[in-house]
N, C-alpha and C. Protein backbone atom coordinates (compact mmCIF):
# COMPACT_ATOMS: atom_id res chain seq x y z
N MET A 1 4.42 75.59 66.01
CA MET A 1 6.01 76.21 66.34
C MET A 1 6.15 77.06 67.16
N ASN A 2 7.22 77.01 68.10
CA ASN A 2 7.40 78.28 69.08
C ASN A 2 8.23 79.08 68.73
N ARG A 3 8.28 80.25 69.24
CA ARG A 3 9.23 81.45 69.04
C ARG A 3 10.73 80.94 68.95
N LEU A 4 11.23 79.97 69.91
CA LEU A 4 12.41 79.69 70.17
C LEU A 4 12.83 78.67 68.93
N GLY A 5 11.69 77.97 68.96
CA GLY A 5 12.24 76.93 67.59
C GLY A 5 12.60 77.99 66.15
N GLY A 6 11.60 78.63 66.02
CA GLY A 6 11.72 79.44 64.66
C GLY A 6 13.31 80.04 65.15
N THR A 7 13.57 80.78 66.03
CA THR A 7 14.65 81.27 66.09
C THR A 7 16.35 80.62 65.47
N ILE A 8 15.92 79.34 66.34
CA ILE A 8 17.20 78.43 66.08
C ILE A 8 17.54 78.26 64.47
N ASP A 9 16.12 77.89 64.19
CA ASP A 9 16.05 77.61 62.35
C ASP A 9 16.49 78.73 61.43
N ASN A 10 16.27 79.70 61.92
CA ASN A 10 16.53 81.24 61.25
C ASN A 10 17.92 81.33 61.50
N MET A 11 18.57 81.09 62.85
CA MET A 11 19.76 81.43 62.79
C MET A 11 20.99 80.01 61.90
N ALA A 12 20.79 79.05 61.77
CA ALA A 12 21.16 77.76 61.00
C ALA A 12 21.19 78.22 59.71
N ALA A 13 19.71 78.85 59.06
CA ALA A 13 19.85 78.70 57.92
C ALA A 13 20.40 80.37 57.26
N THR A 14 20.64 81.48 58.22
CA THR A 14 21.03 82.66 58.38
C THR A 14 22.92 82.11 58.15
N VAL A 15 23.50 81.37 59.29
CA VAL A 15 25.23 80.54 58.72
C VAL A 15 25.27 80.13 57.68
N ILE A 16 24.33 79.13 57.10
CA ILE A 16 24.52 78.73 55.60
C ILE A 16 24.60 79.61 54.59
N GLY A 17 23.48 80.50 54.73
CA GLY A 17 23.91 81.78 53.85
C GLY A 17 24.88 82.47 53.71
N ASP A 18 25.44 82.63 54.83
CA ASP A 18 26.87 83.40 55.19
C ASP A 18 27.87 82.86 54.37
N ILE A 19 27.53 81.49 54.64
CA ILE A 19 29.17 80.74 54.23
C ILE A 19 29.38 80.21 52.84
N SER A 20 27.82 80.75 52.35
CA SER A 20 27.69 80.16 51.00
C SER A 20 27.73 81.60 50.01
N THR A 21 27.69 82.63 51.13
CA THR A 21 28.13 83.87 50.34
C THR A 21 29.83 84.16 50.34
N ASN A 22 30.23 83.68 51.30
CA ASN A 22 31.36 84.04 51.73
C ASN A 22 32.78 83.10 50.43
N ILE A 23 31.76 81.68 50.40
CA ILE A 23 32.56 80.88 49.35
C ILE A 23 32.48 81.51 48.10
N GLU A 24 31.37 82.13 47.50
CA GLU A 24 30.98 82.84 46.18
C GLU A 24 31.99 84.15 46.13
N THR A 25 32.18 84.72 47.15
CA THR A 25 33.04 85.98 47.49
C THR A 25 34.57 85.41 47.20
N LEU A 26 35.14 84.51 47.36
CA LEU A 26 36.39 83.93 47.24
C LEU A 26 36.56 83.54 46.23
N ARG A 27 35.64 83.02 45.62
CA ARG A 27 35.60 82.04 44.28
C ARG A 27 35.62 83.74 43.49
N SER A 28 35.27 84.53 43.21
CA SER A 28 35.19 85.18 42.15
C SER A 28 36.59 86.60 42.62
N ARG A 29 37.16 86.29 43.75
CA ARG A 29 38.52 87.32 44.09
C ARG A 29 39.65 86.23 43.60
N GLN A 30 39.53 84.84 43.31
CA GLN A 30 40.56 84.13 42.95
C GLN A 30 40.91 83.05 41.91
N PRO A 31 40.21 83.96 40.40
CA PRO A 31 40.06 83.28 39.58
C PRO A 31 41.53 82.27 39.12
N VAL A 32 42.02 81.61 38.75
CA VAL A 32 42.99 80.79 38.03
C VAL A 32 42.76 80.85 36.30
N GLY A 33 43.70 81.41 35.87
CA GLY A 33 43.53 81.73 34.60
C GLY A 33 44.07 80.53 34.11
N ARG A 34 44.12 80.25 32.84
CA ARG A 34 44.76 78.99 32.12
C ARG A 34 46.39 79.35 32.16
N ALA A 35 46.49 80.63 31.84
CA ALA A 35 48.41 80.38 32.02
C ALA A 35 48.96 79.71 33.15
N LEU A 36 48.07 80.00 34.33
CA LEU A 36 48.93 79.94 35.69
C LEU A 36 48.63 78.28 35.97
N VAL A 37 48.09 77.56 35.12
CA VAL A 37 47.92 76.10 35.63
C VAL A 37 49.00 75.30 34.48
N LYS A 38 49.94 74.78 35.67
CA LYS A 38 51.37 74.08 34.90
C LYS A 38 50.82 72.63 34.96
N ARG A 39 51.59 72.31 34.05
CA ARG A 39 51.85 70.64 33.86
C ARG A 39 52.89 69.96 34.80
N SER A 40 52.84 68.73 34.71
CA SER A 40 54.23 68.06 35.44
C SER A 40 55.18 67.69 34.36
N PHE A 41 56.14 67.43 34.64
CA PHE A 41 57.43 67.00 33.35
C PHE A 41 58.13 65.82 34.47
N ILE A 42 58.24 64.51 33.90
CA ILE A 42 59.06 63.48 34.79
C ILE A 42 60.50 63.47 33.68
N SER A 43 61.62 63.88 35.21
CA SER A 43 62.89 63.57 34.17
C SER A 43 63.38 62.38 34.87
N GLN A 44 64.02 61.47 34.25
CA GLN A 44 64.56 60.14 34.32
C GLN A 44 65.79 59.55 33.34
N THR A 45 66.65 58.92 33.84
CA THR A 45 67.89 58.22 32.85
C THR A 45 66.94 56.90 32.24
N ALA A 46 67.72 56.30 31.32
CA ALA A 46 67.39 55.28 31.05
C ALA A 46 68.06 54.13 32.00
N ASN A 47 69.17 54.51 32.76
CA ASN A 47 69.45 53.45 33.43
C ASN A 47 68.68 52.68 34.60
N ALA A 48 68.86 51.11 34.42
CA ALA A 48 68.13 50.51 35.50
C ALA A 48 68.20 50.79 37.12
N PHE A 49 69.72 51.58 37.30
CA PHE A 49 69.70 51.92 38.89
C PHE A 49 71.04 53.23 38.46
N ASP A 50 70.34 54.32 39.19
CA ASP A 50 71.43 55.59 39.14
C ASP A 50 72.27 55.28 40.05
N VAL A 51 71.98 54.74 41.10
CA VAL A 51 73.23 54.55 42.23
C VAL A 51 73.13 53.00 42.06
N ASN A 52 74.23 52.29 41.94
CA ASN A 52 74.29 51.15 41.92
C ASN A 52 75.02 50.58 43.16
N GLY A 53 74.99 49.51 43.62
CA GLY A 53 75.79 48.89 44.90
C GLY A 53 76.95 49.62 45.76
N TYR A 54 76.31 51.18 46.04
CA TYR A 54 76.94 51.93 46.64
C TYR A 54 77.00 51.52 48.34
N SER A 55 78.33 51.71 48.81
CA SER A 55 78.18 50.49 50.20
C SER A 55 78.54 52.25 51.42
N VAL A 56 77.80 51.81 52.21
CA VAL A 56 77.56 52.75 53.34
C VAL A 56 77.94 51.86 54.72
N PRO A 57 79.11 52.48 55.29
CA PRO A 57 79.81 51.87 56.62
C PRO A 57 78.53 51.88 57.92
N ALA A 58 78.41 50.69 58.54
CA ALA A 58 77.84 50.53 59.74
C ALA A 58 77.73 51.86 60.70
N ASN A 59 76.14 51.90 60.92
CA ASN A 59 76.11 53.48 61.75
C ASN A 59 76.68 54.84 61.08
N GLN A 60 76.60 54.63 59.94
CA GLN A 60 77.09 55.75 59.23
C GLN A 60 75.78 55.84 58.31
N ALA A 61 76.25 57.35 57.61
CA ALA A 61 75.16 58.07 56.98
C ALA A 61 75.74 58.37 55.76
N ALA A 62 75.23 58.25 54.64
CA ALA A 62 75.77 58.55 53.14
C ALA A 62 74.84 60.00 52.93
N PHE A 63 75.09 61.04 52.19
CA PHE A 63 74.23 62.01 51.42
C PHE A 63 74.13 61.74 50.04
N PHE A 64 73.11 61.84 49.41
CA PHE A 64 73.18 61.91 48.06
C PHE A 64 72.58 63.32 47.39
N TYR A 65 73.31 64.38 46.55
CA TYR A 65 72.77 65.71 46.32
C TYR A 65 71.75 65.40 45.12
N LEU A 66 70.67 65.50 44.84
CA LEU A 66 70.31 65.89 43.71
C LEU A 66 69.41 67.08 43.28
N LEU A 67 70.15 67.23 42.07
CA LEU A 67 70.04 68.80 41.83
C LEU A 67 69.02 68.66 40.29
N PHE A 68 67.76 69.26 39.86
CA PHE A 68 67.16 69.63 38.87
C PHE A 68 67.49 70.71 38.29
N THR A 69 67.89 71.10 37.03
CA THR A 69 67.95 72.25 36.59
C THR A 69 66.86 72.06 35.12
N GLY A 70 66.08 73.18 35.44
CA GLY A 70 65.25 73.72 34.53
C GLY A 70 65.88 73.95 32.84
N ASN A 71 64.63 74.34 32.28
CA ASN A 71 65.16 74.59 30.34
C ASN A 71 64.70 75.61 30.50
N ASN A 72 64.93 76.86 31.45
CA ASN A 72 64.41 78.06 31.49
C ASN A 72 62.89 78.90 31.27
N THR A 73 62.25 77.69 30.97
CA THR A 73 60.62 78.08 30.71
C THR A 73 60.12 78.24 31.95
N GLN A 74 60.60 78.48 33.44
CA GLN A 74 60.08 79.05 34.66
C GLN A 74 61.32 78.96 35.64
N ALA A 75 61.10 80.64 35.85
CA ALA A 75 62.06 80.78 36.59
C ALA A 75 62.43 79.89 38.03
N PHE A 76 61.60 79.95 38.62
CA PHE A 76 61.93 78.86 39.86
C PHE A 76 60.88 77.65 39.87
N PRO A 77 61.55 76.58 39.47
CA PRO A 77 60.80 75.28 38.88
C PRO A 77 60.93 74.75 40.79
N TYR A 78 60.00 73.97 40.45
CA TYR A 78 59.75 72.91 41.72
C TYR A 78 58.96 71.89 41.47
N GLY A 79 59.55 70.53 42.35
CA GLY A 79 58.84 69.41 42.22
C GLY A 79 58.87 68.75 43.67
N VAL A 80 59.07 67.14 42.93
CA VAL A 80 59.49 66.77 43.87
C VAL A 80 60.41 65.52 43.19
N PRO A 81 61.22 64.47 44.26
CA PRO A 81 61.95 63.29 43.47
C PRO A 81 60.78 62.17 44.18
N TYR A 82 61.23 61.23 43.14
CA TYR A 82 60.39 60.12 43.50
C TYR A 82 61.56 59.02 43.44
N VAL A 83 62.11 58.43 44.26
CA VAL A 83 63.38 57.86 44.87
C VAL A 83 63.11 56.52 45.05
N ALA A 84 63.34 55.36 44.04
CA ALA A 84 63.68 53.92 44.55
C ALA A 84 64.86 53.61 45.25
N VAL A 85 64.46 53.12 46.66
CA VAL A 85 65.93 53.12 47.55
C VAL A 85 65.83 51.73 47.75
N TYR A 86 66.68 51.07 47.51
CA TYR A 86 67.29 49.51 47.98
C TYR A 86 68.25 49.46 48.98
N ASN A 87 67.98 48.29 49.96
CA ASN A 87 69.26 48.01 50.46
C ASN A 87 69.03 46.79 50.55
N GLY A 88 70.58 46.24 50.10
CA GLY A 88 71.10 44.72 50.05
C GLY A 88 70.56 43.95 48.70
N GLY A 89 69.90 44.39 47.82
CA GLY A 89 69.20 43.62 46.82
C GLY A 89 68.32 44.49 46.04
N THR A 90 67.79 44.15 45.06
CA THR A 90 66.79 44.96 44.33
C THR A 90 65.31 44.80 43.91
N ASP A 91 65.17 43.75 44.69
CA ASP A 91 63.83 43.38 44.28
C ASP A 91 62.99 43.71 45.31
N SER A 92 61.50 43.55 45.53
CA SER A 92 60.90 44.44 46.65
C SER A 92 60.72 44.17 48.10
N ALA A 93 61.58 42.84 48.43
CA ALA A 93 61.72 42.62 49.74
C ALA A 93 62.76 43.69 50.20
N HIS A 94 63.74 44.12 49.21
CA HIS A 94 64.57 45.00 49.77
C HIS A 94 64.55 46.54 49.93
N ARG A 95 63.20 46.83 49.30
CA ARG A 95 63.02 48.19 48.81
C ARG A 95 62.48 49.33 50.44
N LEU A 96 63.29 50.01 50.25
CA LEU A 96 63.53 51.21 51.48
C LEU A 96 62.10 52.25 51.33
N SER A 97 62.11 52.69 49.99
CA SER A 97 61.83 54.12 49.52
C SER A 97 60.06 54.09 50.04
N ASP A 98 59.41 53.05 50.31
CA ASP A 98 58.19 52.73 50.70
C ASP A 98 58.07 53.34 52.04
N TYR A 99 57.26 54.56 51.76
CA TYR A 99 56.92 55.34 53.38
C TYR A 99 58.02 55.71 54.31
N LEU A 100 59.36 56.00 53.53
CA LEU A 100 60.34 56.19 54.52
C LEU A 100 60.41 55.40 55.35
N GLN A 101 60.40 53.97 55.55
CA GLN A 101 60.73 53.00 56.04
C GLN A 101 62.18 52.50 56.65
N VAL A 102 62.37 51.78 57.68
CA VAL A 102 63.30 51.45 58.22
C VAL A 102 63.09 50.04 58.27
N ASP A 103 64.67 49.12 57.14
CA ASP A 103 64.29 47.53 57.26
C ASP A 103 64.96 47.09 58.32
N SER A 104 64.93 45.75 58.39
CA SER A 104 65.63 44.86 59.35
C SER A 104 66.62 44.80 59.47
N THR A 105 67.54 45.63 58.96
CA THR A 105 69.03 45.83 59.46
C THR A 105 69.00 47.02 60.12
N GLY A 106 68.08 47.65 60.42
CA GLY A 106 68.56 49.42 60.86
C GLY A 106 68.58 50.19 60.12
N THR A 107 68.52 50.00 58.51
CA THR A 107 69.04 51.00 57.55
C THR A 107 67.44 51.99 57.13
N GLY A 108 67.78 52.92 57.35
CA GLY A 108 66.63 54.25 56.81
C GLY A 108 66.82 55.19 55.44
N TYR A 109 66.03 55.52 54.98
CA TYR A 109 65.84 56.56 53.97
C TYR A 109 65.13 57.67 54.48
N SER A 110 65.63 58.80 53.88
CA SER A 110 64.70 60.08 54.00
C SER A 110 65.17 61.21 53.16
N TRP A 111 64.19 62.03 52.24
CA TRP A 111 64.85 62.92 51.70
C TRP A 111 64.06 64.31 52.39
N GLU A 112 64.85 65.54 51.75
CA GLU A 112 64.53 66.73 52.19
C GLU A 112 64.74 67.73 51.08
N ILE A 113 64.22 68.72 51.03
CA ILE A 113 64.53 69.79 50.05
C ILE A 113 66.02 70.69 50.16
N ASN A 114 67.14 70.78 49.39
CA ASN A 114 68.03 71.23 49.73
C ASN A 114 68.02 72.74 49.81
N GLY A 115 67.94 73.77 50.40
CA GLY A 115 67.88 75.12 50.03
C GLY A 115 69.08 75.52 49.52
N THR A 116 70.43 75.14 50.01
CA THR A 116 71.25 75.77 48.80
C THR A 116 71.29 75.53 47.69
N TYR A 117 70.26 74.78 47.21
CA TYR A 117 69.75 74.28 45.79
C TYR A 117 69.23 74.80 44.99
N PHE A 118 68.28 75.50 45.82
CA PHE A 118 67.30 76.78 45.22
C PHE A 118 67.59 77.96 44.78
N GLY A 119 67.18 78.01 43.36
CA GLY A 119 67.44 78.98 43.10
C GLY A 119 66.88 79.36 41.41
N PRO A 120 66.96 80.19 41.00
CA PRO A 120 66.56 80.48 39.12
C PRO A 120 67.21 79.17 38.64
N ASN A 121 66.00 78.81 37.93
CA ASN A 121 66.18 77.98 37.08
C ASN A 121 66.56 75.95 37.62
N LYS A 122 66.84 76.54 39.11
CA LYS A 122 67.22 75.04 39.81
C LYS A 122 65.86 74.81 41.26
N VAL A 123 66.33 73.59 41.48
CA VAL A 123 65.71 73.32 42.93
C VAL A 123 66.50 71.60 43.06
N GLY A 124 66.52 71.58 44.71
CA GLY A 124 67.54 70.04 44.85
C GLY A 124 66.85 69.57 46.04
N TRP A 125 67.47 68.47 46.10
CA TRP A 125 67.20 67.62 47.17
C TRP A 125 68.12 67.00 47.95
N ILE A 126 68.00 66.89 49.04
CA ILE A 126 68.97 65.73 49.91
C ILE A 126 68.72 64.68 49.99
N ILE A 127 69.26 62.99 50.07
CA ILE A 127 68.77 61.99 49.87
C ILE A 127 69.62 61.15 50.87
N ALA A 128 69.05 61.27 52.32
CA ALA A 128 69.85 60.25 53.31
C ALA A 128 69.82 58.92 53.54
N ILE A 129 70.74 58.01 53.96
CA ILE A 129 70.69 56.61 53.68
C ILE A 129 71.41 56.51 55.32
N GLU A 130 70.97 55.97 56.14
CA GLU A 130 71.24 55.94 57.21
C GLU A 130 71.47 54.38 57.43
N ALA A 131 72.61 53.91 57.62
CA ALA A 131 72.73 52.31 57.67
C ALA A 131 72.79 51.95 59.10
N GLY A 132 72.30 50.73 59.07
CA GLY A 132 72.30 50.20 60.78
C GLY A 132 73.53 49.19 60.86
N SER A 133 73.42 48.68 62.05
CA SER A 133 74.74 47.98 62.68
C SER A 133 75.36 47.05 61.28
N SER A 134 74.69 46.40 60.55
CA SER A 134 75.64 45.92 59.29
C SER A 134 75.63 46.29 58.44
N GLY A 135 75.54 47.74 58.43
CA GLY A 135 76.31 48.48 57.44
C GLY A 135 75.21 48.32 55.90
N ALA A 136 75.09 49.28 54.73
CA ALA A 136 74.06 48.98 53.80
C ALA A 136 74.77 49.02 52.42
N THR A 137 74.10 48.41 51.25
CA THR A 137 74.77 48.45 49.68
C THR A 137 73.32 48.65 49.29
N VAL A 138 73.24 50.23 48.75
CA VAL A 138 72.42 50.92 48.45
C VAL A 138 72.65 50.90 46.74
N TYR A 139 71.14 50.77 46.53
CA TYR A 139 70.76 51.09 44.78
C TYR A 139 69.53 51.67 45.15
N MET A 140 69.72 53.03 43.93
CA MET A 140 68.50 53.91 43.72
C MET A 140 67.91 54.08 42.65
N LYS A 141 66.89 54.39 42.25
CA LYS A 141 66.65 54.54 40.83
C LYS A 141 65.47 55.96 40.67
N VAL A 142 65.62 56.99 40.52
CA VAL A 142 65.37 58.45 40.70
C VAL A 142 65.21 58.90 39.25
N ARG A 143 63.61 59.41 39.90
CA ARG A 143 63.06 60.33 38.90
C ARG A 143 62.38 61.61 39.73
N THR A 144 62.04 62.43 38.86
CA THR A 144 61.71 63.67 39.17
C THR A 144 60.68 63.86 38.61
N MET A 145 59.54 64.96 39.14
CA MET A 145 58.26 65.36 38.91
C MET A 145 58.45 66.72 39.31
N THR A 146 58.79 67.82 37.78
CA THR A 146 58.76 69.05 38.38
C THR A 146 57.70 69.82 37.55
N THR A 147 58.20 71.18 37.18
CA THR A 147 56.90 72.28 36.79
C THR A 147 57.03 72.71 35.55
N CYS A 148 58.55 72.04 35.39
CA CYS A 148 59.25 72.71 33.84
C CYS A 148 59.76 71.16 32.94
N PRO A 149 60.10 71.27 32.00
CA PRO A 149 61.26 70.20 31.27
C PRO A 149 62.35 70.65 32.01
N GLY A 150 63.04 69.78 32.18
CA GLY A 150 64.70 69.81 32.56
C GLY A 150 65.60 68.68 32.72
N GLY A 151 66.32 68.65 33.01
CA GLY A 151 67.38 67.21 33.68
C GLY A 151 67.79 67.48 35.33
N TRP A 152 68.26 66.31 35.63
CA TRP A 152 68.95 66.20 36.91
C TRP A 152 70.19 65.51 36.94
N THR A 153 71.20 65.82 37.99
CA THR A 153 72.26 65.47 38.42
C THR A 153 72.12 64.82 39.63
N MET A 154 72.88 64.21 39.86
CA MET A 154 73.07 63.46 41.30
C MET A 154 74.78 63.34 41.66
N THR A 155 75.12 64.33 43.11
CA THR A 155 76.48 63.73 43.21
C THR A 155 76.75 63.15 44.88
N TRP A 156 77.46 62.53 45.38
CA TRP A 156 77.74 61.83 46.67
C TRP A 156 79.01 62.16 46.97
């Protein structure tokens, strides 16, 4: 073994040792206590669909406002909506909400957090349906998964 080969081997070992030390240092500085681990809570209605046959005119958009209100166990709850969105029927062939897709009629679906609905004990989202050239007939089933128990309302 020559001196150059030994140097490269030592450099690699030193870098790996430094990375291991850094990881252990970060772990010791950022412990996560049991009190910080939250559970997920699902909220939904017993309705088959929460929006049932809502008509959106051709080439127009409809906006649905989903507001989750917590039960005061967490000051600023957060979470995500799981919304099954259908256009023109309620079977799997009419479902828009898989991968935020656009269907064959040009109708699409998207959602984003609604900053005006974010605050103490609440979080909200905007769900947008953009109808294609033939319009849309929208059906939705809404579920929320949040960091505290509570319930939601939807307006449009």
